[in-house]
Protein backbone atom coordinates (compact mmCIF):
# COMPACT_ATOMS: atom_id res chain seq x y z
CA UNK A 1 -60.91 92.69 -67.74
CA UNK A 2 -58.97 93.69 -64.63
CA UNK A 3 -58.78 97.35 -65.74
CA UNK A 4 -62.38 97.26 -67.01
CA UNK A 5 -63.75 96.31 -63.58
CA UNK A 6 -61.49 98.81 -61.81
CA UNK A 7 -62.78 101.64 -64.02
CA UNK A 8 -66.38 100.41 -63.79
CA UNK A 9 -66.11 100.44 -59.98
CA UNK A 10 -64.94 104.08 -60.09
CA UNK A 11 -67.76 105.06 -62.45
CA UNK A 12 -70.43 103.49 -60.24
CA UNK A 13 -68.84 105.04 -57.14
CA UNK A 14 -68.97 108.54 -58.62
CA UNK A 15 -72.62 107.90 -59.53
CA UNK A 16 -73.29 106.82 -55.92
CA UNK A 17 -74.36 103.33 -56.94
CA UNK A 18 -72.39 101.84 -54.09
CA UNK A 19 -73.61 98.25 -54.45
CA UNK A 20 -72.72 98.18 -58.15
CA UNK A 21 -69.36 99.76 -57.35
CA UNK A 22 -68.61 97.13 -54.71
CA UNK A 23 -69.58 94.32 -57.10
CA UNK A 24 -67.36 95.76 -59.84
CA UNK A 25 -64.53 96.09 -57.36
CA UNK A 26 -65.17 92.52 -56.20
CA UNK A 27 -64.62 91.36 -59.82
CA UNK A 28 -61.52 93.57 -60.02
CA UNK A 29 -60.23 92.07 -56.77
CA UNK A 30 -60.88 88.46 -57.83
CA UNK A 31 -58.92 89.06 -61.04
CA UNK A 32 -56.08 90.64 -59.03
CA UNK A 33 -55.87 87.55 -56.82
CA UNK A 34 -55.30 85.43 -59.96
CA UNK A 35 -52.30 87.57 -60.94
CA UNK A 36 -48.92 87.75 -59.28
CA UNK A 37 -49.73 90.75 -57.11
CA UNK A 38 -47.29 92.16 -54.59
CA UNK A 39 -48.11 92.15 -50.87
CA UNK A 40 -48.54 95.94 -50.98
CA UNK A 41 -50.90 95.72 -53.92
CA UNK A 42 -52.96 93.02 -52.18
CA UNK A 43 -53.21 95.14 -49.03
CA UNK A 44 -54.21 98.25 -50.98
CA UNK A 45 -56.86 96.42 -53.01
CA UNK A 46 -58.10 94.50 -49.95
CA UNK A 47 -58.53 97.81 -48.15
CA UNK A 48 -60.47 99.29 -51.06
CA UNK A 49 -62.61 96.19 -51.49
CA UNK A 50 -63.57 96.04 -47.80
CA UNK A 51 -64.23 99.78 -47.58
CA UNK A 52 -66.39 99.64 -50.72
CA UNK A 53 -68.46 96.80 -49.23
CA UNK A 54 -69.00 98.40 -45.83
CA UNK A 55 -69.90 101.68 -47.57
CA UNK A 56 -73.00 100.09 -49.13
CA UNK A 57 -75.92 101.88 -47.49
CA UNK A 58 -79.07 100.12 -46.30
CA UNK A 59 -81.20 102.29 -48.60
CA UNK A 60 -79.75 101.74 -52.06
CA UNK A 61 -79.92 104.18 -54.97
CA UNK A 62 -79.95 101.05 -57.12
CA UNK A 63 -83.46 100.25 -55.84
CA UNK A 64 -84.75 103.50 -57.34
CA UNK A 65 -83.74 102.46 -60.86
CA UNK A 66 -86.05 101.09 -63.50
CA UNK A 67 -85.87 97.36 -64.19
CA UNK A 68 -84.23 98.10 -67.56
CA UNK A 69 -81.48 100.12 -65.85
CA UNK A 70 -80.93 97.32 -63.32
CA UNK A 71 -80.65 94.76 -66.14
CA UNK A 72 -78.17 97.00 -67.98
CA UNK A 73 -76.03 97.39 -64.86
CA UNK A 74 -76.16 93.64 -64.22
CA UNK A 75 -74.95 92.95 -67.74
CA UNK A 76 -71.96 95.25 -67.19
CA UNK A 77 -71.07 93.50 -63.95
CA UNK A 78 -71.64 89.83 -64.62
CA UNK A 79 -72.82 87.21 -67.04
CA UNK A 80 -75.26 86.08 -64.33
CA UNK A 81 -78.81 87.39 -64.32
CA UNK A 82 -78.73 88.14 -60.58
CA UNK A 83 -76.39 90.44 -58.75
CA UNK A 84 -74.52 89.83 -55.54
CA UNK A 85 -75.86 91.45 -52.38
CA UNK A 86 -73.90 93.20 -49.65
CA UNK A 87 -74.30 90.06 -47.55
CA UNK A 88 -72.85 87.92 -50.37
CA UNK A 89 -69.80 90.19 -50.48
CA UNK A 90 -69.36 90.07 -46.70
CA UNK A 91 -69.58 86.28 -46.83
CA UNK A 92 -66.82 86.29 -49.46
CA UNK A 93 -64.65 88.55 -47.27
CA UNK A 94 -65.01 86.19 -44.33
CA UNK A 95 -64.68 82.95 -46.30
CA UNK A 96 -61.48 84.07 -48.03
CA UNK A 97 -59.94 85.76 -44.96
CA UNK A 98 -59.57 89.09 -46.71
CA UNK A 99 -59.57 90.89 -43.37
CA UNK A 100 -56.18 89.28 -42.75
CA UNK A 101 -54.80 91.04 -45.85
CA UNK A 102 -56.00 94.56 -45.10
CA UNK A 103 -54.57 97.23 -42.83
CA UNK A 104 -55.38 97.36 -39.13
CA UNK A 105 -57.33 100.60 -39.61
CA UNK A 106 -59.59 99.05 -42.26
CA UNK A 107 -60.04 95.91 -40.16
CA UNK A 108 -61.10 98.03 -37.16
CA UNK A 109 -63.47 100.04 -39.34
CA UNK A 110 -65.00 96.82 -40.68
CA UNK A 111 -65.62 95.42 -37.20
CA UNK A 112 -66.95 98.73 -35.95
CA UNK A 113 -69.51 99.03 -38.74
CA UNK A 114 -70.42 95.41 -39.36
CA UNK A 115 -70.21 93.84 -35.93
CA UNK A 116 -70.45 96.48 -33.22
CA UNK A 117 -73.76 96.39 -31.34
CA UNK A 118 -72.72 98.75 -28.55
CA UNK A 119 -73.78 102.35 -29.10
CA UNK A 120 -71.18 103.85 -26.76
CA UNK A 121 -68.37 101.81 -28.29
CA UNK A 122 -69.55 102.80 -31.75
CA UNK A 123 -69.55 106.50 -30.92
CA UNK A 124 -66.26 106.41 -29.01
CA UNK A 125 -64.38 104.49 -31.72
CA UNK A 126 -65.95 106.01 -34.82
CA UNK A 127 -64.45 109.47 -34.50
CA UNK A 128 -60.74 108.47 -34.68
CA UNK A 129 -61.42 105.88 -37.39
CA UNK A 130 -63.37 108.38 -39.49
CA UNK A 131 -60.51 110.88 -39.15
CA UNK A 132 -58.02 108.24 -40.27
CA UNK A 133 -60.24 107.23 -43.22
CA UNK A 134 -60.61 110.88 -44.22
CA UNK A 135 -56.81 111.22 -44.32
CA UNK A 136 -55.98 107.95 -46.06
CA UNK A 137 -58.99 107.27 -48.32
CA UNK A 138 -61.13 110.44 -48.44
CA UNK A 139 -63.62 109.05 -50.98
CA UNK A 140 -64.91 106.65 -48.32
CA UNK A 141 -65.30 109.21 -45.52
CA UNK A 142 -68.81 110.52 -46.24
CA UNK A 143 -70.41 107.15 -47.07
CA UNK A 144 -68.90 105.55 -43.95
CA UNK A 145 -69.95 108.52 -41.86
CA UNK A 146 -73.52 108.11 -43.13
CA UNK A 147 -73.45 104.37 -42.39
CA UNK A 148 -72.31 105.06 -38.81
CA UNK A 149 -75.05 107.65 -38.27
CA UNK A 150 -77.63 105.22 -39.64
CA UNK A 151 -76.32 102.47 -37.37
CA UNK A 152 -76.39 104.80 -34.35
CA UNK A 153 -79.97 105.77 -35.08
CA UNK A 154 -80.93 102.12 -35.50
CA UNK A 155 -79.31 101.20 -32.19
CA UNK A 156 -80.99 104.15 -30.50
CA UNK A 157 -84.38 103.16 -31.85
CA UNK A 158 -83.88 99.73 -30.31
CA UNK A 159 -82.93 101.20 -26.91
CA UNK A 160 -85.28 104.10 -26.46
CA UNK A 161 -88.85 104.92 -27.26
CA UNK A 162 -88.34 108.57 -26.38
CA UNK A 163 -85.15 110.58 -26.22
CA UNK A 164 -84.56 114.29 -25.86
CA UNK A 165 -82.53 115.78 -28.69
CA UNK A 166 -80.14 117.53 -26.28
CA UNK A 167 -79.32 114.16 -24.63
CA UNK A 168 -78.81 112.63 -28.04
CA UNK A 169 -76.37 115.29 -29.20
CA UNK A 170 -74.27 115.12 -26.01
CA UNK A 171 -74.10 111.29 -26.01
CA UNK A 172 -73.06 110.93 -29.64
CA UNK A 173 -69.65 111.88 -31.08
CA UNK A 174 -69.93 115.13 -32.99
CA UNK A 175 -67.73 113.89 -35.89
CA UNK A 176 -70.14 111.02 -36.56
CA UNK A 177 -73.08 113.43 -36.77
CA UNK A 178 -71.38 116.10 -38.88
CA UNK A 179 -72.89 114.74 -42.11
CA UNK A 180 -73.89 118.02 -43.70
């Protein structure tokens, strides 16, 4: 089952069903924790698990599926009739102290995306973290970049009712906006 969930996570990731991928990787991770895994293996899988969770976008491709497709995906992921949400996975990460097992870079990325409420801090810190993610785990770069842009736009919408585009582009890190 360990290999099954690892491969299922990859399949869903390639299909850009990021929630399903994170749930499959969650199952993969839980099974790993029951085995005698090395410290390096735990760190690597903790990194991947956390990055897969924080890569789940607010607008899910999964929501565009038919009910039959959602039921089929759920049956591949669990014997339960309901699926975990991003918030359920974050709760698991916190409850089981998984942030303590991951690398410093992944921990910083997690806090930046999930807990940062300061737009300037987000822009200042996102560029070096995105560069590091691109080098170490390139599959996560684009989804995390999109999440950061979405978060920046959400924070901006809370701060301003009107903003000139030239002010926006000079205040925001170019790496975070280079989504194309």
